[in-house]
C-alpha atoms as a PDB file:
ATOM      1  CA  UNK A   1     107.551  77.677 116.191  1.00  0.00           C
ATOM      2  CA  UNK A   2     105.892  75.756 113.322  1.00  0.00           C
ATOM      3  CA  UNK A   3     108.028  73.377 111.259  1.00  0.00           C
ATOM      4  CA  UNK A   4     107.665  73.931 107.487  1.00  0.00           C
ATOM      5  CA  UNK A   5     105.896  71.028 105.715  1.00  0.00           C
ATOM      6  CA  UNK A   6     108.660  70.763 103.192  1.00  0.00           C
ATOM      7  CA  UNK A   7     111.221  70.203 105.932  1.00  0.00           C
ATOM      8  CA  UNK A   8     108.993  67.402 107.354  1.00  0.00           C
ATOM      9  CA  UNK A   9     108.759  65.780 103.962  1.00  0.00           C
ATOM     10  CA  UNK A  10     112.543  65.702 103.581  1.00  0.00           C
ATOM     11  CA  UNK A  11     112.869  64.156 106.953  1.00  0.00           C
ATOM     12  CA  UNK A  12     110.344  61.398 106.356  1.00  0.00           C
ATOM     13  CA  UNK A  13     112.416  58.926 104.346  1.00  0.00           C
ATOM     14  CA  UNK A  14     115.217  58.985 106.964  1.00  0.00           C
ATOM     15  CA  UNK A  15     112.665  58.604 109.719  1.00  0.00           C
ATOM     16  CA  UNK A  16     111.158  55.527 108.030  1.00  0.00           C
ATOM     17  CA  UNK A  17     114.521  53.909 107.680  1.00  0.00           C
ATOM     18  CA  UNK A  18     115.469  54.738 111.251  1.00  0.00           C
ATOM     19  CA  UNK A  19     112.338  53.092 112.721  1.00  0.00           C
ATOM     20  CA  UNK A  20     112.504  49.989 110.632  1.00  0.00           C
ATOM     21  CA  UNK A  21     112.954  47.723 113.654  1.00  0.00           C
ATOM     22  CA  UNK A  22     110.478  49.336 115.995  1.00  0.00           C
ATOM     23  CA  UNK A  23     107.996  46.481 115.197  1.00  0.00           C
ATOM     24  CA  UNK A  24     108.678  42.768 115.312  1.00  0.00           C
ATOM     25  CA  UNK A  25     109.873  42.824 111.704  1.00  0.00           C
ATOM     26  CA  UNK A  26     113.588  43.185 110.724  1.00  0.00           C
ATOM     27  CA  UNK A  27     114.354  46.051 108.307  1.00  0.00           C
ATOM     28  CA  UNK A  28     116.497  45.364 105.303  1.00  0.00           C
ATOM     29  CA  UNK A  29     117.247  48.564 103.392  1.00  0.00           C
ATOM     30  CA  UNK A  30     118.187  48.196  99.772  1.00  0.00           C
ATOM     31  CA  UNK A  31     119.841  51.004  97.773  1.00  0.00           C
ATOM     32  CA  UNK A  32     119.233  50.349  94.064  1.00  0.00           C
ATOM     33  CA  UNK A  33     118.779  51.917  90.623  1.00  0.00           C
ATOM     34  CA  UNK A  34     116.771  49.028  89.218  1.00  0.00           C
ATOM     35  CA  UNK A  35     113.347  50.720  89.142  1.00  0.00           C
ATOM     36  CA  UNK A  36     110.047  50.189  90.870  1.00  0.00           C
ATOM     37  CA  UNK A  37     108.736  47.430  88.588  1.00  0.00           C
ATOM     38  CA  UNK A  38     111.474  44.953  89.511  1.00  0.00           C
ATOM     39  CA  UNK A  39     111.787  46.117  93.107  1.00  0.00           C
ATOM     40  CA  UNK A  40     108.147  45.856  93.974  1.00  0.00           C
ATOM     41  CA  UNK A  41     108.028  42.330  92.647  1.00  0.00           C
ATOM     42  CA  UNK A  42     110.927  41.035  94.767  1.00  0.00           C
ATOM     43  CA  UNK A  43     109.917  43.024  97.838  1.00  0.00           C
ATOM     44  CA  UNK A  44     106.480  41.459  97.956  1.00  0.00           C
ATOM     45  CA  UNK A  45     107.576  37.963  97.118  1.00  0.00           C
ATOM     46  CA  UNK A  46     110.422  37.876  99.621  1.00  0.00           C
ATOM     47  CA  UNK A  47     108.228  39.306 102.366  1.00  0.00           C
ATOM     48  CA  UNK A  48     105.577  36.663 101.678  1.00  0.00           C
ATOM     49  CA  UNK A  49     108.260  33.984 102.356  1.00  0.00           C
ATOM     50  CA  UNK A  50     109.777  35.927 105.254  1.00  0.00           C
ATOM     51  CA  UNK A  51     106.907  37.685 107.094  1.00  0.00           C
ATOM     52  CA  UNK A  52     109.331  38.810 109.822  1.00  0.00           C
ATOM     53  CA  UNK A  53     111.316  40.889 107.318  1.00  0.00           C
ATOM     54  CA  UNK A  54     110.489  44.370 105.966  1.00  0.00           C
ATOM     55  CA  UNK A  55     112.275  45.128 102.686  1.00  0.00           C
ATOM     56  CA  UNK A  56     112.696  48.880 102.283  1.00  0.00           C
ATOM     57  CA  UNK A  57     114.141  49.928  98.912  1.00  0.00           C
ATOM     58  CA  UNK A  58     115.292  53.361  97.860  1.00  0.00           C
ATOM     59  CA  UNK A  59     115.539  53.815  94.106  1.00  0.00           C
ATOM     60  CA  UNK A  60     118.262  56.257  93.022  1.00  0.00           C
ATOM     61  CA  UNK A  61     121.157  56.580  90.600  1.00  0.00           C
ATOM     62  CA  UNK A  62     124.136  54.366  91.053  1.00  0.00           C
ATOM     63  CA  UNK A  63     126.516  57.282  91.601  1.00  0.00           C
ATOM     64  CA  UNK A  64     124.083  58.635  94.257  1.00  0.00           C
ATOM     65  CA  UNK A  65     124.163  55.269  95.979  1.00  0.00           C
ATOM     66  CA  UNK A  66     127.979  55.220  96.088  1.00  0.00           C
ATOM     67  CA  UNK A  67     128.016  58.776  97.480  1.00  0.00           C
ATOM     68  CA  UNK A  68     125.429  57.877 100.103  1.00  0.00           C
ATOM     69  CA  UNK A  69     127.150  54.637 101.191  1.00  0.00           C
ATOM     70  CA  UNK A  70     130.460  56.514 101.512  1.00  0.00           C
ATOM     71  CA  UNK A  71     128.786  59.392 103.543  1.00  0.00           C
ATOM     72  CA  UNK A  72     127.118  56.891 105.835  1.00  0.00           C
ATOM     73  CA  UNK A  73     130.237  54.829 106.415  1.00  0.00           C
ATOM     74  CA  UNK A  74     130.329  55.489 110.161  1.00  0.00           C
ATOM     75  CA  UNK A  75     126.615  54.760 110.568  1.00  0.00           C
ATOM     76  CA  UNK A  76     125.408  52.630 107.604  1.00  0.00           C
ATOM     77  CA  UNK A  77     121.719  52.860 106.741  1.00  0.00           C
ATOM     78  CA  UNK A  78     121.659  50.368 103.851  1.00  0.00           C
ATOM     79  CA  UNK A  79     122.025  46.642 104.165  1.00  0.00           C
ATOM     80  CA  UNK A  80     122.391  45.908 100.433  1.00  0.00           C
ATOM     81  CA  UNK A  81     123.572  47.801  97.364  1.00  0.00           C
ATOM     82  CA  UNK A  82     121.942  46.122  94.380  1.00  0.00           C
ATOM     83  CA  UNK A  83     122.780  47.526  90.943  1.00  0.00           C
ATOM     84  CA  UNK A  84     125.320  49.828  89.378  1.00  0.00           C
ATOM     85  CA  UNK A  85     128.443  49.552  87.187  1.00  0.00           C
ATOM     86  CA  UNK A  86     131.431  47.467  88.199  1.00  0.00           C
ATOM     87  CA  UNK A  87     133.662  50.565  88.211  1.00  0.00           C
ATOM     88  CA  UNK A  88     131.675  52.027  91.117  1.00  0.00           C
ATOM     89  CA  UNK A  89     131.662  48.739  93.057  1.00  0.00           C
ATOM     90  CA  UNK A  90     135.421  48.480  92.532  1.00  0.00           C
ATOM     91  CA  UNK A  91     135.869  51.952  93.954  1.00  0.00           C
ATOM     92  CA  UNK A  92     133.597  51.167  96.958  1.00  0.00           C
ATOM     93  CA  UNK A  93     135.608  47.916  97.602  1.00  0.00           C
ATOM     94  CA  UNK A  94     138.933  49.819  97.579  1.00  0.00           C
ATOM     95  CA  UNK A  95     137.420  52.181 100.149  1.00  0.00           C
ATOM     96  CA  UNK A  96     136.349  49.356 102.429  1.00  0.00           C
ATOM     97  CA  UNK A  97     132.591  50.183 102.142  1.00  0.00           C
ATOM     98  CA  UNK A  98     131.509  46.674 101.267  1.00  0.00           C
ATOM     99  CA  UNK A  99     131.198  43.525 103.354  1.00  0.00           C
ATOM    100  CA  UNK A 100     132.844  40.528 101.653  1.00  0.00           C
ATOM    101  CA  UNK A 101     130.413  37.729 100.932  1.00  0.00           C
ATOM    102  CA  UNK A 102     130.778  34.724  98.629  1.00  0.00           C
ATOM    103  CA  UNK A 103     127.373  33.733  97.235  1.00  0.00           C
ATOM    104  CA  UNK A 104     126.376  30.121  96.682  1.00  0.00           C
ATOM    105  CA  UNK A 105     126.682  30.698  92.909  1.00  0.00           C
ATOM    106  CA  UNK A 106     130.084  32.388  93.009  1.00  0.00           C
ATOM    107  CA  UNK A 107     131.712  29.806  90.685  1.00  0.00           C
ATOM    108  CA  UNK A 108     129.117  30.580  87.970  1.00  0.00           C
ATOM    109  CA  UNK A 109     130.491  34.026  87.041  1.00  0.00           C
ATOM    110  CA  UNK A 110     133.801  34.724  85.349  1.00  0.00           C
ATOM    111  CA  UNK A 111     136.683  36.324  87.272  1.00  0.00           C
ATOM    112  CA  UNK A 112     136.030  39.621  85.519  1.00  0.00           C
ATOM    113  CA  UNK A 113     132.514  39.732  86.979  1.00  0.00           C
ATOM    114  CA  UNK A 114     133.338  39.868  90.686  1.00  0.00           C
ATOM    115  CA  UNK A 115     135.748  41.383  93.164  1.00  0.00           C
ATOM    116  CA  UNK A 116     138.758  39.090  93.855  1.00  0.00           C
ATOM    117  CA  UNK A 117     138.089  39.442  97.576  1.00  0.00           C
ATOM    118  CA  UNK A 118     134.331  38.795  97.291  1.00  0.00           C
ATOM    119  CA  UNK A 119     133.324  42.417  98.024  1.00  0.00           C
ATOM    120  CA  UNK A 120     130.818  42.348  95.154  1.00  0.00           C
ATOM    121  CA  UNK A 121     129.489  39.988  92.437  1.00  0.00           C
ATOM    122  CA  UNK A 122     128.054  40.651  89.019  1.00  0.00           C
ATOM    123  CA  UNK A 123     124.357  40.005  88.344  1.00  0.00           C
ATOM    124  CA  UNK A 124     123.607  41.464  84.847  1.00  0.00           C
ATOM    125  CA  UNK A 125     125.472  42.539  81.727  1.00  0.00           C
ATOM    126  CA  UNK A 126     124.198  45.909  80.518  1.00  0.00           C
ATOM    127  CA  UNK A 127     125.071  47.165  76.990  1.00  0.00           C
ATOM    128  CA  UNK A 128     124.845  50.897  76.357  1.00  0.00           C
ATOM    129  CA  UNK A 129     122.987  51.998  73.251  1.00  0.00           C
ATOM    130  CA  UNK A 130     121.665  54.969  71.236  1.00  0.00           C
ATOM    131  CA  UNK A 131     117.982  55.182  71.936  1.00  0.00           C
ATOM    132  CA  UNK A 132     115.523  57.096  69.727  1.00  0.00           C
ATOM    133  CA  UNK A 133     111.845  57.973  69.386  1.00  0.00           C
ATOM    134  CA  UNK A 134     110.820  55.915  66.411  1.00  0.00           C
ATOM    135  CA  UNK A 135     107.872  58.251  65.636  1.00  0.00           C
ATOM    136  CA  UNK A 136     110.356  60.998  64.974  1.00  0.00           C
ATOM    137  CA  UNK A 137     113.371  59.128  63.694  1.00  0.00           C
ATOM    138  CA  UNK A 138     113.342  56.176  61.291  1.00  0.00           C
ATOM    139  CA  UNK A 139     115.731  53.286  61.746  1.00  0.00           C
ATOM    140  CA  UNK A 140     117.585  54.349  58.552  1.00  0.00           C
ATOM    141  CA  UNK A 141     117.989  57.906  59.858  1.00  0.00           C
ATOM    142  CA  UNK A 142     119.073  57.037  63.449  1.00  0.00           C
ATOM    143  CA  UNK A 143     122.781  57.434  64.337  1.00  0.00           C
ATOM    144  CA  UNK A 144     124.630  54.220  63.598  1.00  0.00           C
ATOM    145  CA  UNK A 145     127.601  55.065  65.803  1.00  0.00           C
ATOM    146  CA  UNK A 146     128.731  57.353  68.581  1.00  0.00           C
ATOM    147  CA  UNK A 147     130.282  60.046  66.337  1.00  0.00           C
ATOM    148  CA  UNK A 148     127.085  60.328  64.282  1.00  0.00           C
ATOM    149  CA  UNK A 149     125.377  61.953  67.293  1.00  0.00           C
ATOM    150  CA  UNK A 150     127.715  64.921  66.832  1.00  0.00           C
ATOM    151  CA  UNK A 151     126.187  65.698  63.388  1.00  0.00           C
ATOM    152  CA  UNK A 152     124.740  69.286  63.422  1.00  0.00           C
ATOM    153  CA  UNK A 153     121.435  67.869  62.213  1.00  0.00           C
ATOM    154  CA  UNK A 154     120.856  66.624  65.798  1.00  0.00           C
ATOM    155  CA  UNK A 155     121.276  70.126  67.371  1.00  0.00           C
ATOM    156  CA  UNK A 156     118.609  70.594  70.127  1.00  0.00           C
ATOM    157  CA  UNK A 157     117.337  67.084  69.450  1.00  0.00           C
ATOM    158  CA  UNK A 158     119.481  65.191  72.030  1.00  0.00           C
ATOM    159  CA  UNK A 159     118.329  64.444  75.610  1.00  0.00           C
ATOM    160  CA  UNK A 160     120.908  63.374  78.190  1.00  0.00           C
ATOM    161  CA  UNK A 161     120.440  62.078  81.693  1.00  0.00           C
ATOM    162  CA  UNK A 162     122.507  64.267  83.954  1.00  0.00           C
ATOM    163  CA  UNK A 163     125.655  62.127  84.253  1.00  0.00           C
ATOM    164  CA  UNK A 164     126.967  63.064  87.707  1.00  0.00           C
ATOM    165  CA  UNK A 165     124.133  61.142  89.338  1.00  0.00           C
ATOM    166  CA  UNK A 166     124.094  58.233  86.900  1.00  0.00           C
ATOM    167  CA  UNK A 167     126.396  55.230  86.723  1.00  0.00           C
ATOM    168  CA  UNK A 168     125.156  54.528  83.192  1.00  0.00           C
ATOM    169  CA  UNK A 169     125.979  57.981  81.956  1.00  0.00           C
ATOM    170  CA  UNK A 170     129.298  58.163  83.727  1.00  0.00           C
ATOM    171  CA  UNK A 171     130.238  54.881  81.989  1.00  0.00           C
ATOM    172  CA  UNK A 172     129.172  56.239  78.610  1.00  0.00           C
ATOM    173  CA  UNK A 173     130.917  59.572  79.044  1.00  0.00           C
ATOM    174  CA  UNK A 174     134.092  57.926  80.385  1.00  0.00           C
ATOM    175  CA  UNK A 175     134.121  55.538  77.423  1.00  0.00           C
ATOM    176  CA  UNK A 176     133.783  58.421  75.020  1.00  0.00           C
ATOM    177  CA  UNK A 177     136.800  60.170  76.607  1.00  0.00           C
ATOM    178  CA  UNK A 178     138.848  56.940  76.484  1.00  0.00           C
ATOM    179  CA  UNK A 179     137.967  56.411  72.816  1.00  0.00           C
ATOM    180  CA  UNK A 180     139.999  59.522  71.953  1.00  0.00           C
ATOM    181  CA  UNK A 181     143.834  59.679  71.810  1.00  0.00           C
ATOM    182  CA  UNK A 182     143.899  62.112  74.716  1.00  0.00           C
ATOM    183  CA  UNK A 183     141.635  63.217  77.573  1.00  0.00           C
ATOM    184  CA  UNK A 184     141.564  66.717  76.107  1.00  0.00           C
ATOM    185  CA  UNK A 185     140.243  65.348  72.845  1.00  0.00           C
ATOM    186  CA  UNK A 186     137.676  63.450  74.867  1.00  0.00           C
ATOM    187  CA  UNK A 187     136.504  66.691  76.447  1.00  0.00           C
ATOM    188  CA  UNK A 188     136.222  68.207  72.991  1.00  0.00           C
ATOM    189  CA  UNK A 189     133.989  65.278  71.955  1.00  0.00           C
ATOM    190  CA  UNK A 190     131.749  65.854  74.950  1.00  0.00           C
ATOM    191  CA  UNK A 191     131.611  69.570  74.117  1.00  0.00           C
ATOM    192  CA  UNK A 192     130.332  68.777  70.647  1.00  0.00           C
ATOM    193  CA  UNK A 193     127.717  66.553  72.223  1.00  0.00           C
ATOM    194  CA  UNK A 194     126.779  69.403  74.511  1.00  0.00           C
ATOM    195  CA  UNK A 195     126.188  71.608  71.504  1.00  0.00           C
ATOM    196  CA  UNK A 196     123.533  69.140  70.269  1.00  0.00           C
ATOM    197  CA  UNK A 197     121.957  68.598  73.722  1.00  0.00           C
ATOM    198  CA  UNK A 198     118.611  70.211  74.410  1.00  0.00           C
ATOM    199  CA  UNK A 199     118.149  69.163  78.027  1.00  0.00           C
ATOM    200  CA  UNK A 200     119.959  67.322  80.798  1.00  0.00           C
ATOM    201  CA  UNK A 201     117.254  65.488  82.748  1.00  0.00           C
ATOM    202  CA  UNK A 202     117.353  64.989  86.494  1.00  0.00           C
ATOM    203  CA  UNK A 203     116.402  61.264  86.499  1.00  0.00           C
ATOM    204  CA  UNK A 204     115.490  58.414  84.176  1.00  0.00           C
ATOM    205  CA  UNK A 205     111.760  58.992  84.499  1.00  0.00           C
ATOM    206  CA  UNK A 206     112.074  62.464  83.106  1.00  0.00           C
ATOM    207  CA  UNK A 207     114.285  61.148  80.364  1.00  0.00           C
ATOM    208  CA  UNK A 208     111.684  58.627  79.303  1.00  0.00           C
ATOM    209  CA  UNK A 209     108.823  61.095  79.492  1.00  0.00           C
ATOM    210  CA  UNK A 210     110.606  63.769  77.491  1.00  0.00           C
ATOM    211  CA  UNK A 211     111.694  61.351  74.791  1.00  0.00           C
ATOM    212  CA  UNK A 212     108.132  59.847  74.552  1.00  0.00           C
ATOM    213  CA  UNK A 213     106.586  63.333  74.424  1.00  0.00           C
ATOM    214  CA  UNK A 214     108.931  64.197  71.526  1.00  0.00           C
ATOM    215  CA  UNK A 215     110.636  66.935  73.450  1.00  0.00           C
ATOM    216  CA  UNK A 216     113.798  65.363  72.041  1.00  0.00           C
ATOM    217  CA  UNK A 217     114.525  62.641  69.509  1.00  0.00           C
ATOM    218  CA  UNK A 218     117.550  60.674  70.664  1.00  0.00           C
ATOM    219  CA  UNK A 219     119.448  59.851  73.798  1.00  0.00           C
ATOM    220  CA  UNK A 220     122.251  57.645  75.117  1.00  0.00           C
ATOM    221  CA  UNK A 221     121.036  54.978  77.530  1.00  0.00           C
ATOM    222  CA  UNK A 222     121.085  51.262  78.175  1.00  0.00           C
ATOM    223  CA  UNK A 223     119.463  48.465  76.213  1.00  0.00           C
ATOM    224  CA  UNK A 224     117.457  46.702  79.024  1.00  0.00           C
ATOM    225  CA  UNK A 225     115.715  49.842  80.244  1.00  0.00           C
ATOM    226  CA  UNK A 226     114.890  50.917  76.717  1.00  0.00           C
ATOM    227  CA  UNK A 227     113.231  47.615  76.104  1.00  0.00           C
ATOM    228  CA  UNK A 228     111.437  47.718  79.420  1.00  0.00           C
ATOM    229  CA  UNK A 229     109.903  51.108  78.739  1.00  0.00           C
ATOM    230  CA  UNK A 230     108.730  49.970  75.316  1.00  0.00           C
ATOM    231  CA  UNK A 231     107.050  46.832  76.754  1.00  0.00           C
ATOM    232  CA  UNK A 232     105.619  48.196  80.029  1.00  0.00           C
ATOM    233  CA  UNK A 233     104.662  51.766  78.997  1.00  0.00           C
ATOM    234  CA  UNK A 234     104.275  51.410  75.257  1.00  0.00           C
ATOM    235  CA  UNK A 235     106.751  54.183  74.593  1.00  0.00           C
ATOM    236  CA  UNK A 236     107.832  54.552  70.975  1.00  0.00           C
ATOM    237  CA  UNK A 237     111.446  53.626  71.645  1.00  0.00           C
ATOM    238  CA  UNK A 238     113.954  51.808  69.488  1.00  0.00           C
ATOM    239  CA  UNK A 239     117.709  51.561  69.822  1.00  0.00           C
ATOM    240  CA  UNK A 240     120.946  51.108  67.896  1.00  0.00           C
ATOM    241  CA  UNK A 241     123.962  49.212  69.173  1.00  0.00           C
ATOM    242  CA  UNK A 242     126.858  51.455  68.052  1.00  0.00           C
ATOM    243  CA  UNK A 243     128.732  49.816  65.194  1.00  0.00           C
ATOM    244  CA  UNK A 244     132.290  50.531  66.472  1.00  0.00           C
ATOM    245  CA  UNK A 245     131.544  48.948  69.834  1.00  0.00           C
ATOM    246  CA  UNK A 246     129.732  49.732  73.009  1.00  0.00           C
ATOM    247  CA  UNK A 247     130.527  49.586  76.760  1.00  0.00           C
ATOM    248  CA  UNK A 248     128.977  46.509  78.387  1.00  0.00           C
ATOM    249  CA  UNK A 249     129.056  47.119  82.130  1.00  0.00           C
ATOM    250  CA  UNK A 250     128.643  44.477  84.773  1.00  0.00           C
ATOM    251  CA  UNK A 251     125.891  45.351  87.218  1.00  0.00           C
ATOM    252  CA  UNK A 252     126.893  44.392  90.769  1.00  0.00           C
ATOM    253  CA  UNK A 253     125.387  43.439  94.071  1.00  0.00           C
ATOM    254  CA  UNK A 254     127.038  43.714  97.494  1.00  0.00           C
ATOM    255  CA  UNK A 255     126.366  43.760 101.237  1.00  0.00           C
ATOM    256  CA  UNK A 256     127.162  47.127 102.810  1.00  0.00           C
ATOM    257  CA  UNK A 257     129.795  46.904 105.485  1.00  0.00           C
ATOM    258  CA  UNK A 258     128.171  47.443 108.909  1.00  0.00           C
ATOM    259  CA  UNK A 259     124.647  47.168 107.510  1.00  0.00           C
ATOM    260  CA  UNK A 260     121.842  45.898 109.734  1.00  0.00           C
ATOM    261  CA  UNK A 261     119.987  42.612 109.679  1.00  0.00           C
ATOM    262  CA  UNK A 262     122.895  40.730 108.128  1.00  0.00           C
ATOM    263  CA  UNK A 263     121.239  37.327 108.009  1.00  0.00           C
ATOM    264  CA  UNK A 264     118.065  38.571 106.391  1.00  0.00           C
ATOM    265  CA  UNK A 265     120.078  40.757 104.002  1.00  0.00           C
ATOM    266  CA  UNK A 266     122.134  37.753 102.931  1.00  0.00           C
ATOM    267  CA  UNK A 267     118.932  35.738 102.330  1.00  0.00           C
ATOM    268  CA  UNK A 268     117.515  38.575 100.171  1.00  0.00           C
ATOM    269  CA  UNK A 269     120.846  38.788  98.252  1.00  0.00           C
ATOM    270  CA  UNK A 270     120.597  35.042  97.415  1.00  0.00           C
ATOM    271  CA  UNK A 271     116.849  35.308  96.677  1.00  0.00           C
ATOM    272  CA  UNK A 272     117.180  37.938  93.932  1.00  0.00           C
ATOM    273  CA  UNK A 273     120.321  36.410  92.425  1.00  0.00           C
ATOM    274  CA  UNK A 274     119.242  32.745  92.300  1.00  0.00           C
ATOM    275  CA  UNK A 275     119.326  30.915  88.958  1.00  0.00           C
ATOM    276  CA  UNK A 276     115.543  30.899  88.721  1.00  0.00           C
ATOM    277  CA  UNK A 277     115.325  34.661  89.656  1.00  0.00           C
ATOM    278  CA  UNK A 278     117.799  35.622  86.963  1.00  0.00           C
ATOM    279  CA  UNK A 279     115.908  33.582  84.267  1.00  0.00           C
ATOM    280  CA  UNK A 280     112.723  35.357  85.310  1.00  0.00           C
ATOM    281  CA  UNK A 281     114.421  38.746  85.294  1.00  0.00           C
ATOM    282  CA  UNK A 282     115.659  38.101  81.774  1.00  0.00           C
ATOM    283  CA  UNK A 283     112.057  37.416  80.593  1.00  0.00           C
ATOM    284  CA  UNK A 284     110.144  39.991  82.599  1.00  0.00           C
ATOM    285  CA  UNK A 285     112.654  42.821  83.129  1.00  0.00           C
ATOM    286  CA  UNK A 286     114.963  42.495  80.095  1.00  0.00           C
ATOM    287  CA  UNK A 287     118.092  41.807  82.153  1.00  0.00           C
ATOM    288  CA  UNK A 288     121.020  39.799  80.754  1.00  0.00           C
ATOM    289  CA  UNK A 289     122.408  37.425  83.336  1.00  0.00           C
ATOM    290  CA  UNK A 290     126.164  37.629  84.138  1.00  0.00           C
ATOM    291  CA  UNK A 291     126.119  33.945  85.180  1.00  0.00           C
ATOM    292  CA  UNK A 292     127.431  31.376  82.715  1.00  0.00           C
ATOM    293  CA  UNK A 293     125.536  28.374  84.045  1.00  0.00           C
ATOM    294  CA  UNK A 294     122.164  29.348  82.501  1.00  0.00           C
ATOM    295  CA  UNK A 295     121.424  27.521  79.248  1.00  0.00           C
ATOM    296  CA  UNK A 296     120.556  29.747  76.321  1.00  0.00           C
ATOM    297  CA  UNK A 297     117.309  27.866  75.684  1.00  0.00           C
ATOM    298  CA  UNK A 298     115.991  29.106  79.048  1.00  0.00           C
ATOM    299  CA  UNK A 299     116.573  32.756  78.200  1.00  0.00           C
ATOM    300  CA  UNK A 300     114.602  35.080  75.820  1.00  0.00           C
ATOM    301  CA  UNK A 301     115.503  34.713  72.173  1.00  0.00           C
ATOM    302  CA  UNK A 302     116.633  38.372  71.939  1.00  0.00           C
ATOM    303  CA  UNK A 303     119.559  37.658  74.262  1.00  0.00           C
ATOM    304  CA  UNK A 304     121.064  34.979  72.059  1.00  0.00           C
ATOM    305  CA  UNK A 305     120.142  36.735  68.782  1.00  0.00           C
ATOM    306  CA  UNK A 306     121.409  40.236  69.439  1.00  0.00           C
ATOM    307  CA  UNK A 307     124.939  40.963  68.253  1.00  0.00           C
ATOM    308  CA  UNK A 308     126.983  43.164  70.513  1.00  0.00           C
ATOM    309  CA  UNK A 309     130.428  44.420  69.648  1.00  0.00           C
ATOM    310  CA  UNK A 310     131.855  44.917  73.137  1.00  0.00           C
ATOM    311  CA  UNK A 311     134.138  48.026  73.531  1.00  0.00           C
ATOM    312  CA  UNK A 312     137.309  47.208  75.421  1.00  0.00           C
ATOM    313  CA  UNK A 313     137.571  49.542  78.397  1.00  0.00           C
ATOM    314  CA  UNK A 314     140.101  50.108  81.082  1.00  0.00           C
ATOM    315  CA  UNK A 315     137.643  49.789  83.967  1.00  0.00           C
ATOM    316  CA  UNK A 316     140.322  50.490  86.630  1.00  0.00           C
ATOM    317  CA  UNK A 317     141.228  53.778  84.908  1.00  0.00           C
ATOM    318  CA  UNK A 318     137.511  54.690  84.610  1.00  0.00           C
ATOM    319  CA  UNK A 319     137.066  53.993  88.316  1.00  0.00           C
ATOM    320  CA  UNK A 320     140.094  56.121  89.332  1.00  0.00           C
ATOM    321  CA  UNK A 321     140.031  58.948  86.866  1.00  0.00           C
ATOM    322  CA  UNK A 322     136.321  59.063  86.015  1.00  0.00           C
ATOM    323  CA  UNK A 323     135.250  61.322  88.928  1.00  0.00           C
ATOM    324  CA  UNK A 324     137.848  63.998  87.885  1.00  0.00           C
ATOM    325  CA  UNK A 325     136.588  63.834  84.270  1.00  0.00           C
ATOM    326  CA  UNK A 326     132.986  64.277  85.349  1.00  0.00           C
ATOM    327  CA  UNK A 327     133.839  67.178  87.616  1.00  0.00           C
ATOM    328  CA  UNK A 328     135.732  68.888  84.822  1.00  0.00           C
ATOM    329  CA  UNK A 329     132.866  68.356  82.414  1.00  0.00           C
ATOM    330  CA  UNK A 330     130.318  69.730  84.914  1.00  0.00           C
ATOM    331  CA  UNK A 331     132.399  72.873  85.686  1.00  0.00           C
ATOM    332  CA  UNK A 332     133.727  73.662  82.219  1.00  0.00           C
ATOM    333  CA  UNK A 333     131.622  72.051  79.468  1.00  0.00           C
ATOM    334  CA  UNK A 334     128.015  71.481  80.480  1.00  0.00           C
ATOM    335  CA  UNK A 335     125.777  74.095  78.845  1.00  0.00           C
ATOM    336  CA  UNK A 336     128.655  75.853  77.169  1.00  0.00           C
ATOM    337  CA  UNK A 337     130.102  73.391  74.613  1.00  0.00           C
ATOM    338  CA  UNK A 338     130.420  75.881  71.774  1.00  0.00           C
ATOM    339  CA  UNK A 339     132.132  78.411  74.027  1.00  0.00           C
ATOM    340  CA  UNK A 340     134.445  75.739  75.422  1.00  0.00           C
ATOM    341  CA  UNK A 341     135.484  74.660  71.895  1.00  0.00           C
ATOM    342  CA  UNK A 342     136.190  78.298  71.017  1.00  0.00           C
ATOM    343  CA  UNK A 343     138.374  78.670  74.109  1.00  0.00           C
ATOM    344  CA  UNK A 344     140.548  75.735  73.152  1.00  0.00           C
ATOM    345  CA  UNK A 345     140.786  76.805  69.503  1.00  0.00           C
ATOM    346  CA  UNK A 346     138.499  74.184  68.000  1.00  0.00           C
ATOM    347  CA  UNK A 347     135.365  74.590  65.931  1.00  0.00           C
END
């Protein structure tokens, strides 16, 4: 019996991971949402210094990483989880999915930027913003704050990355719920956003392409990736930091409990989080270091000049209750915002 080609294609990534140590090179598998530009750079440079190591990265949404690490708990495939919001890393730490490790620079981040038992450490600070196509929307016209996105003039002009697979969007949606007096009022806010949403995209690449092609005019995303797409791809993107405050999540890094090639994985962990690496990532990949021991003069001017009003969030609550909120949104609100508001007696 012939095996369908599609089935073979689906098996291929798992097969590649599984045979990583069939040669003389050690396989270090990295699960990450950080994008191919950054990942290819550090893969090639680390392998040049460590020719006996094969870095294999898989780029996916942070929520997908958490789900995969949890599913693979009995037989871990990843060595490192690099990137994603602190709320997800906290959840993984509580579930004993991460291997405690205290990096050499541990004292250079505040207590709020790492797990108290060293399960994960913060690498970047990532502010969430309102991103828009500046060919379609002028700076004066762009929404100045979160509630402005609910204005009927934006109907069918909003693009949203499907949040269930995205740590960034789960953080934004969770923050929007917690901004309201009750969870129910938070759901109503998301229903009004759904009324203005034209498309929920499957991944960030589709989000960028649709926004650049003017298939939508505005979206909710993060500041570093917006800047990166403008610089590397020339996309006509600008952003607004919401006036009332914005979530600033801490991106984490961790060793996966039971992951293979522990020594090489630890070396890669230290390699991509060194002081020099973080300075370079700030300049080349628009990342804001979480470390406090890097002088401002060594970082891009935009980091010190941008004014960010940080929204205070209950990250523990987001970590615990967030999955329930997202499931409710997916089952009751997505694609039927107007109907949902009618059912609860709101316009």
